N, C-alpha and C. Protein backbone atom coordinates (compact mmCIF):
# COMPACT_ATOMS: atom_id res chain seq x y z
N MET A 1 -2.70 -12.63 -20.55
CA MET A 1 -2.10 -11.81 -19.48
C MET A 1 -1.58 -10.67 -20.22
N PHE A 2 -1.66 -10.07 -21.06
CA PHE A 2 -1.43 -8.69 -21.51
C PHE A 2 -2.90 -8.08 -21.28
N TYR A 3 -3.93 -8.24 -21.12
CA TYR A 3 -5.09 -7.92 -20.95
C TYR A 3 -5.29 -7.14 -19.24
N ALA A 4 -4.53 -8.44 -18.56
CA ALA A 4 -5.11 -7.81 -17.33
C ALA A 4 -3.62 -6.70 -16.86
N LEU A 5 -2.67 -6.81 -17.73
CA LEU A 5 -1.84 -5.61 -17.50
C LEU A 5 -2.15 -4.40 -18.07
N ALA A 6 -2.91 -4.23 -18.85
CA ALA A 6 -3.58 -3.29 -19.60
C ALA A 6 -4.49 -2.40 -18.35
N MET A 7 -5.43 -3.45 -17.91
CA MET A 7 -6.41 -2.90 -17.14
C MET A 7 -5.94 -2.41 -15.53
N ALA A 8 -4.75 -2.86 -15.48
CA ALA A 8 -4.14 -2.58 -13.88
C ALA A 8 -4.19 -1.09 -14.05
N HIS A 9 -3.63 -0.69 -15.25
CA HIS A 9 -3.28 0.96 -15.31
C HIS A 9 -4.56 1.84 -15.55
N HIS A 10 -5.52 1.32 -15.45
CA HIS A 10 -7.37 1.81 -16.11
C HIS A 10 -7.36 2.98 -14.99
N VAL A 11 -7.25 4.24 -14.94
CA VAL A 11 -7.74 5.42 -13.90
C VAL A 11 -9.04 6.06 -14.26
N ASP A 12 -10.24 5.89 -13.56
CA ASP A 12 -11.41 6.55 -13.54
C ASP A 12 -11.11 7.86 -12.94
N PRO A 13 -11.31 8.93 -13.87
CA PRO A 13 -10.89 10.18 -13.09
C PRO A 13 -11.95 10.92 -12.03
N ASP A 14 -13.57 10.42 -12.87
CA ASP A 14 -14.39 10.85 -11.73
C ASP A 14 -14.64 10.11 -10.70
N GLY A 15 -14.19 8.93 -10.54
CA GLY A 15 -14.33 8.25 -9.17
C GLY A 15 -13.28 8.99 -8.40
N ILE A 16 -11.92 9.00 -8.76
CA ILE A 16 -11.23 9.83 -8.11
C ILE A 16 -11.63 10.94 -7.37
N LEU A 17 -12.26 11.89 -8.17
CA LEU A 17 -12.89 13.05 -7.82
C LEU A 17 -13.74 12.97 -6.78
N ILE A 18 -15.14 12.38 -7.39
CA ILE A 18 -16.16 11.31 -6.20
C ILE A 18 -15.20 11.33 -4.49
N SER A 19 -14.83 10.39 -4.78
CA SER A 19 -13.91 10.08 -3.75
C SER A 19 -13.20 11.21 -3.06
N ARG A 20 -12.47 12.01 -3.86
CA ARG A 20 -12.03 13.24 -2.88
C ARG A 20 -13.39 14.42 -2.17
N LEU A 21 -14.09 14.65 -3.01
CA LEU A 21 -15.58 15.26 -2.81
C LEU A 21 -15.91 14.84 -1.14
N LEU A 22 -16.00 13.25 -0.86
CA LEU A 22 -16.23 12.51 -0.18
C LEU A 22 -15.39 12.86 1.11
N GLY A 23 -13.91 12.52 0.68
CA GLY A 23 -13.26 13.23 1.73
C GLY A 23 -13.29 14.62 2.66
N ILE A 24 -13.50 15.33 1.32
CA ILE A 24 -13.39 16.87 1.79
C ILE A 24 -14.87 17.31 2.62
N SER A 25 -15.90 16.55 2.37
CA SER A 25 -16.96 16.44 2.98
C SER A 25 -17.24 15.93 4.32
N SER A 26 -16.09 15.09 4.41
CA SER A 26 -15.74 14.32 5.63
C SER A 26 -15.10 14.59 6.84
N ARG A 27 -14.03 15.42 6.14
CA ARG A 27 -13.47 16.39 7.04
C ARG A 27 -14.14 17.37 7.69
N HIS A 28 -14.44 17.98 6.89
CA HIS A 28 -15.71 19.36 7.67
C HIS A 28 -16.79 18.80 8.60
N THR A 29 -17.38 17.62 8.44
CA THR A 29 -18.42 17.87 9.14
C THR A 29 -17.99 16.73 9.88
N SER A 30 -16.81 16.48 10.55
CA SER A 30 -16.26 14.85 11.43
C SER A 30 -16.66 15.79 13.02
N HIS A 31 -16.72 16.65 13.13
CA HIS A 31 -16.91 17.23 14.73
C HIS A 31 -18.07 18.33 14.23
N GLY A 32 -19.05 17.98 14.23
CA GLY A 32 -20.27 18.32 13.61
C GLY A 32 -20.74 19.27 12.30
N ASN A 33 -21.88 19.62 12.20
CA ASN A 33 -22.11 20.67 11.22
C ASN A 33 -21.65 22.19 11.41
N PRO A 34 -20.48 22.45 9.98
CA PRO A 34 -20.01 23.68 10.05
C PRO A 34 -20.80 24.69 9.88
N GLU A 35 -20.85 26.11 10.98
CA GLU A 35 -21.48 27.11 10.44
C GLU A 35 -20.55 28.26 10.00
N GLY A 36 -21.12 29.12 9.36
CA GLY A 36 -20.56 30.46 9.83
C GLY A 36 -19.33 30.84 8.23
N ALA A 37 -18.42 30.79 9.02
CA ALA A 37 -17.14 31.27 8.23
C ALA A 37 -16.97 29.60 8.13
N ASP A 38 -16.88 28.92 8.57
CA ASP A 38 -16.47 27.44 8.11
C ASP A 38 -17.28 26.68 7.39
N ARG A 39 -18.70 26.98 7.68
CA ARG A 39 -19.42 26.07 5.91
C ARG A 39 -18.81 26.98 4.90
N GLU A 40 -18.38 28.36 4.88
CA GLU A 40 -18.33 28.75 3.98
C GLU A 40 -17.18 28.74 2.95
N ALA A 41 -16.16 28.42 4.16
CA ALA A 41 -15.00 27.69 3.49
C ALA A 41 -14.69 26.27 3.28
N ALA A 42 -15.85 25.36 3.73
CA ALA A 42 -15.93 23.59 3.40
C ALA A 42 -16.76 24.49 2.04
N ILE A 43 -17.80 24.35 1.66
CA ILE A 43 -18.28 24.79 0.15
C ILE A 43 -17.78 25.60 -0.77
N LYS A 44 -16.74 26.53 -0.20
CA LYS A 44 -15.67 27.04 -1.68
C LYS A 44 -15.04 26.02 -1.70
N GLU A 45 -14.05 24.98 -0.96
CA GLU A 45 -13.20 24.37 -1.00
C GLU A 45 -13.89 22.72 -1.83
N LEU A 46 -15.09 22.23 -1.56
CA LEU A 46 -15.74 21.40 -2.69
C LEU A 46 -15.84 22.12 -4.19
N ARG A 47 -16.32 23.45 -3.90
CA ARG A 47 -16.44 23.98 -5.44
C ARG A 47 -14.99 23.99 -6.28
N GLU A 48 -14.28 24.54 -5.48
CA GLU A 48 -13.06 24.16 -6.18
C GLU A 48 -12.57 22.90 -6.57
N ALA A 49 -13.06 21.99 -5.73
CA ALA A 49 -12.33 20.52 -6.25
C ALA A 49 -13.42 20.00 -7.07
N ALA A 50 -14.18 20.36 -7.05
CA ALA A 50 -15.07 20.07 -8.48
C ALA A 50 -14.81 20.72 -9.64
N THR A 51 -14.70 21.51 -9.88
CA THR A 51 -14.08 22.53 -10.62
C THR A 51 -12.79 21.65 -11.49
N VAL A 52 -13.06 21.36 -12.67
CA VAL A 52 -12.06 20.90 -13.90
C VAL A 52 -11.98 22.06 -15.07
N THR A 53 -10.77 21.86 -14.99
CA THR A 53 -10.02 23.08 -16.42
C THR A 53 -9.95 22.12 -17.41
N GLU A 54 -10.94 22.35 -18.76
CA GLU A 54 -10.60 21.59 -20.24
C GLU A 54 -8.97 21.66 -20.38
N GLN A 55 -8.77 20.80 -21.54
CA GLN A 55 -7.33 20.77 -22.17
C GLN A 55 -7.72 22.05 -22.98
N PRO A 56 -6.40 22.73 -23.13
CA PRO A 56 -6.17 23.57 -24.16
C PRO A 56 -6.16 23.14 -25.16
N ARG A 57 -6.15 23.95 -26.11
CA ARG A 57 -6.63 23.71 -27.85
C ARG A 57 -5.06 23.99 -28.31
N ARG A 58 -4.50 23.48 -29.02
CA ARG A 58 -3.58 23.96 -29.61
C ARG A 58 -3.64 25.36 -30.60
N GLY A 59 -2.98 26.20 -30.72
CA GLY A 59 -3.73 27.47 -31.57
C GLY A 59 -4.41 28.11 -31.09
N SER A 60 -5.46 28.22 -30.17
CA SER A 60 -6.30 28.32 -29.85
C SER A 60 -6.23 29.88 -29.16
N PRO A 61 -7.28 31.05 -29.17
CA PRO A 61 -6.70 32.23 -29.04
C PRO A 61 -7.24 32.34 -27.25
N TYR A 62 -8.21 31.04 -27.24
CA TYR A 62 -9.09 31.49 -25.98
C TYR A 62 -8.42 30.37 -24.83
N PRO A 63 -8.71 30.92 -23.50
CA PRO A 63 -8.14 30.06 -22.46
C PRO A 63 -8.93 28.78 -22.32
N PRO A 64 -8.87 27.77 -21.60
CA PRO A 64 -9.58 26.80 -21.64
C PRO A 64 -10.48 27.17 -20.37
N ARG A 65 -12.03 26.63 -20.81
CA ARG A 65 -12.90 26.72 -19.91
C ARG A 65 -12.76 25.74 -18.19
N SER A 66 -13.21 26.20 -17.52
CA SER A 66 -13.62 25.81 -16.31
C SER A 66 -15.05 25.68 -15.94
N ILE A 67 -15.01 24.10 -15.77
CA ILE A 67 -16.36 23.62 -15.33
C ILE A 67 -16.42 22.83 -14.07
N LEU A 68 -17.29 23.48 -13.36
CA LEU A 68 -18.20 22.80 -12.33
C LEU A 68 -18.94 21.94 -12.39
N ARG A 69 -18.39 20.53 -11.83
CA ARG A 69 -18.94 19.16 -12.24
C ARG A 69 -20.08 18.92 -11.13
N SER A 70 -21.08 19.93 -11.45
CA SER A 70 -22.09 19.53 -10.30
C SER A 70 -22.64 17.89 -10.50
N ASP A 71 -22.57 17.33 -11.70
CA ASP A 71 -23.13 15.70 -11.96
C ASP A 71 -22.05 14.79 -10.72
N LEU A 72 -21.11 15.00 -10.59
CA LEU A 72 -20.52 15.00 -9.55
C LEU A 72 -20.62 14.87 -8.15
N LEU A 73 -21.00 15.89 -7.92
CA LEU A 73 -21.27 16.62 -6.56
C LEU A 73 -22.82 16.26 -5.89
N GLY A 74 -23.28 15.64 -7.33
CA GLY A 74 -24.62 14.91 -6.95
C GLY A 74 -24.31 13.68 -6.46
N GLU A 75 -23.81 12.98 -7.48
CA GLU A 75 -23.23 11.87 -6.79
C GLU A 75 -22.81 11.37 -5.65
N ALA A 76 -21.99 12.20 -5.26
CA ALA A 76 -21.43 11.91 -3.93
C ALA A 76 -22.26 12.29 -3.14
N ALA A 77 -23.16 13.37 -3.36
CA ALA A 77 -24.38 13.57 -2.42
C ALA A 77 -25.29 12.75 -2.61
N GLY A 78 -25.97 12.32 -3.09
CA GLY A 78 -26.51 11.33 -3.16
C GLY A 78 -26.36 9.52 -2.20
N ALA A 79 -24.76 9.68 -2.40
CA ALA A 79 -24.13 7.92 -2.28
C ALA A 79 -24.15 8.73 -0.74
N VAL A 80 -24.10 9.64 0.32
CA VAL A 80 -24.14 9.86 1.42
C VAL A 80 -25.69 9.80 1.74
N LEU A 81 -26.30 10.52 1.34
CA LEU A 81 -27.62 10.52 1.46
C LEU A 81 -28.70 9.54 1.34
N GLY A 82 -28.43 8.63 0.53
CA GLY A 82 -29.18 7.56 0.44
C GLY A 82 -28.56 5.78 1.27
N SER A 83 -27.85 6.61 2.08
CA SER A 83 -27.09 5.22 2.83
C SER A 83 -28.01 5.11 4.16
N PRO A 84 -28.17 4.13 4.45
CA PRO A 84 -28.94 3.59 5.23
C PRO A 84 -28.49 4.18 7.07
N PRO A 85 -29.64 4.06 7.50
CA PRO A 85 -29.41 5.06 9.20
C PRO A 85 -28.50 4.22 9.73
N GLY A 86 -27.50 4.89 10.36
CA GLY A 86 -26.31 3.84 11.05
C GLY A 86 -25.71 5.01 12.11
N GLU A 87 -24.74 4.54 12.58
CA GLU A 87 -24.25 5.50 13.47
C GLU A 87 -23.89 7.02 12.83
N ASP A 88 -23.45 6.79 11.76
CA ASP A 88 -22.91 8.04 11.06
C ASP A 88 -23.82 8.82 10.19
N TYR A 89 -25.11 8.59 10.67
CA TYR A 89 -26.48 8.86 10.04
C TYR A 89 -26.09 10.82 9.79
N HIS A 90 -26.10 10.97 10.85
CA HIS A 90 -26.10 12.34 11.18
C HIS A 90 -24.87 13.30 10.38
N GLN A 91 -24.06 12.50 10.47
CA GLN A 91 -22.84 12.95 9.60
C GLN A 91 -23.19 13.01 8.20
N ASP A 92 -23.37 11.93 7.55
CA ASP A 92 -23.90 11.68 6.51
C ASP A 92 -24.98 13.08 5.62
N GLN A 93 -25.94 13.03 6.79
CA GLN A 93 -26.97 14.13 6.45
C GLN A 93 -26.25 15.69 6.29
N ASN A 94 -25.38 15.77 7.18
CA ASN A 94 -24.27 17.15 7.32
C ASN A 94 -23.23 17.20 5.65
N ARG A 95 -23.22 15.87 5.59
CA ARG A 95 -22.18 15.82 4.12
C ARG A 95 -23.22 15.96 3.20
N GLY A 96 -24.21 15.48 3.10
CA GLY A 96 -24.90 15.87 1.71
C GLY A 96 -25.90 17.48 1.44
N GLY A 97 -25.87 17.62 2.58
CA GLY A 97 -25.32 19.30 2.76
C GLY A 97 -24.68 20.06 2.24
N LEU A 98 -23.95 19.20 2.54
CA LEU A 98 -22.48 20.68 1.97
C LEU A 98 -22.53 20.15 0.57
N LEU A 99 -22.76 19.25 0.09
CA LEU A 99 -22.52 18.93 -1.16
C LEU A 99 -23.54 19.08 -1.86
N GLN A 100 -24.95 19.31 -1.66
CA GLN A 100 -26.03 20.07 -2.51
C GLN A 100 -25.78 21.40 -2.22
N GLU A 101 -25.09 22.17 -0.97
CA GLU A 101 -24.93 23.67 -0.77
C GLU A 101 -23.67 23.76 -2.00
N ALA A 102 -23.05 23.39 -2.28
CA ALA A 102 -21.70 23.63 -3.46
C ALA A 102 -22.42 23.53 -4.47
N GLY A 103 -23.33 22.74 -5.11
CA GLY A 103 -23.55 22.77 -5.98
C GLY A 103 -23.80 21.75 -7.08
N ALA A 104 -24.31 20.87 -6.50
CA ALA A 104 -25.12 19.32 -6.29
C ALA A 104 -26.16 19.69 -7.54
N ASP A 105 -25.90 18.56 -8.61
CA ASP A 105 -27.25 18.77 -9.34
C ASP A 105 -28.68 18.11 -8.41
N PRO A 106 -29.61 18.59 -8.17
CA PRO A 106 -30.61 18.09 -7.60
C PRO A 106 -31.26 16.65 -8.49
N GLU A 107 -31.44 16.43 -9.89
CA GLU A 107 -31.64 15.19 -10.13
C GLU A 107 -30.61 14.11 -10.25
N VAL A 108 -29.48 14.39 -10.37
CA VAL A 108 -28.46 12.96 -10.02
C VAL A 108 -28.44 12.85 -8.25
N THR A 109 -28.47 13.76 -7.81
CA THR A 109 -28.37 13.54 -6.28
C THR A 109 -29.56 12.77 -5.79
N GLU A 110 -30.69 12.82 -6.59
CA GLU A 110 -31.82 12.25 -6.01
C GLU A 110 -31.95 10.77 -6.90
N ARG A 111 -31.62 10.76 -7.82
CA ARG A 111 -31.63 9.75 -8.70
C ARG A 111 -30.19 8.33 -8.03
N ALA A 112 -29.19 9.29 -7.44
CA ALA A 112 -28.25 8.54 -6.81
C ALA A 112 -28.32 7.90 -5.59
N ARG A 113 -29.47 8.77 -4.64
CA ARG A 113 -29.89 8.43 -3.55
C ARG A 113 -30.34 7.24 -3.56
N ARG A 114 -31.64 7.66 -4.48
CA ARG A 114 -32.40 6.03 -4.48
C ARG A 114 -31.43 4.89 -5.18
N GLU A 115 -30.96 4.85 -5.94
CA GLU A 115 -29.80 3.80 -6.19
C GLU A 115 -29.20 3.47 -5.13
N ARG A 116 -28.61 3.89 -3.99
CA ARG A 116 -27.83 3.59 -3.14
C ARG A 116 -28.79 3.24 -2.00
N ALA A 117 -30.59 3.99 -2.04
CA ALA A 117 -30.84 3.35 -0.95
C ALA A 117 -31.64 2.06 -1.37
N GLU A 118 -31.86 2.10 -2.93
CA GLU A 118 -32.23 0.33 -2.75
C GLU A 118 -31.17 -0.52 -2.80
N ARG A 119 -30.19 -0.78 -3.43
CA ARG A 119 -28.75 -1.44 -3.46
C ARG A 119 -28.65 -1.66 -1.49
N ALA A 120 -28.73 -0.95 -0.78
CA ALA A 120 -28.71 -1.09 0.72
C ALA A 120 -30.46 -2.13 0.84
N ALA A 121 -31.31 -1.68 0.43
CA ALA A 121 -32.07 -2.79 0.84
C ALA A 121 -32.08 -3.85 0.42
N ARG A 122 -31.35 -4.20 -0.44
CA ARG A 122 -31.29 -5.10 -1.19
C ARG A 122 -30.31 -6.26 -0.89
N SER A 123 -29.22 -5.67 0.03
CA SER A 123 -28.24 -6.26 0.76
C SER A 123 -28.99 -6.46 2.02
N GLY A 124 -28.33 -7.79 2.54
CA GLY A 124 -28.62 -8.37 3.99
C GLY A 124 -27.48 -7.74 4.67
N PRO A 125 -27.22 -8.49 6.31
CA PRO A 125 -26.82 -7.88 7.05
C PRO A 125 -25.40 -8.39 6.76
N PRO A 126 -24.40 -7.26 7.49
CA PRO A 126 -22.68 -7.37 7.13
C PRO A 126 -22.33 -8.99 7.45
N PHE A 127 -21.37 -9.68 6.49
CA PHE A 127 -20.90 -10.60 6.99
C PHE A 127 -20.84 -11.15 7.97
N SER A 128 -20.06 -10.03 8.96
CA SER A 128 -19.72 -10.41 10.16
C SER A 128 -20.59 -10.58 11.01
N ARG A 129 -21.74 -10.16 10.62
CA ARG A 129 -23.12 -10.31 12.03
C ARG A 129 -24.04 -11.39 11.15
N SER A 130 -23.66 -12.28 9.91
CA SER A 130 -24.94 -13.15 9.64
C SER A 130 -24.74 -14.44 9.96
N PRO A 131 -25.62 -15.00 10.55
CA PRO A 131 -25.79 -16.24 11.24
C PRO A 131 -24.97 -17.29 10.50
N SER A 132 -24.46 -18.45 11.47
CA SER A 132 -23.48 -19.42 10.60
C SER A 132 -25.04 -20.08 10.23
N ALA A 133 -24.32 -20.84 9.29
CA ALA A 133 -24.94 -21.94 8.75
C ALA A 133 -24.82 -23.00 9.41
N ASP A 134 -23.57 -23.48 10.27
CA ASP A 134 -23.82 -24.66 10.86
C ASP A 134 -23.83 -23.83 12.61
N PRO A 135 -24.80 -24.42 13.18
CA PRO A 135 -24.90 -23.93 14.33
C PRO A 135 -24.14 -24.35 15.45
N ARG A 136 -23.32 -25.45 15.33
CA ARG A 136 -22.28 -25.69 15.91
C ARG A 136 -21.26 -24.51 15.70
N ILE A 137 -20.95 -24.56 15.01
CA ILE A 137 -19.68 -23.27 14.93
C ILE A 137 -20.28 -22.00 15.29
N ALA A 138 -21.42 -21.51 15.38
CA ALA A 138 -21.87 -20.65 15.72
C ALA A 138 -21.16 -19.62 16.92
N ARG A 139 -21.15 -18.05 16.83
CA ARG A 139 -20.26 -17.41 17.60
C ARG A 139 -21.80 -17.81 18.60
N PRO A 140 -21.24 -17.56 20.21
CA PRO A 140 -21.86 -16.79 20.99
C PRO A 140 -22.52 -15.59 21.18
N ARG A 141 -24.20 -15.26 21.42
CA ARG A 141 -24.24 -14.04 21.20
C ARG A 141 -24.49 -13.20 22.29
């Protein structure tokens, strides 16, 4: 029981940041591909969100460094670019483009895109659209 309680408080900061980056990119591409000043603002917001500051060291005369997490930008870009074509395909392509322009690592993006595409190819149709095992209880189409 203690193990379950301890695991309930586990936090994945990288996963939270990837979700945040996906949300920002989705918000900026919800009405089409942003251009001009809107695109620059979207890229700036993504870069700010993906920049993390190290913990300050006690007694250090140097300020903590800020690091752009291009690996997480790449994970997010690969996730949307590797998704199978569907109703949100163009928005996914726009989201991926924004994330790439914000500084996504190209190697990480390609690896994540391949993994996402392979996972989508291995999975079957969504459960709600799967044919029923028993034809007597199948829904009419």
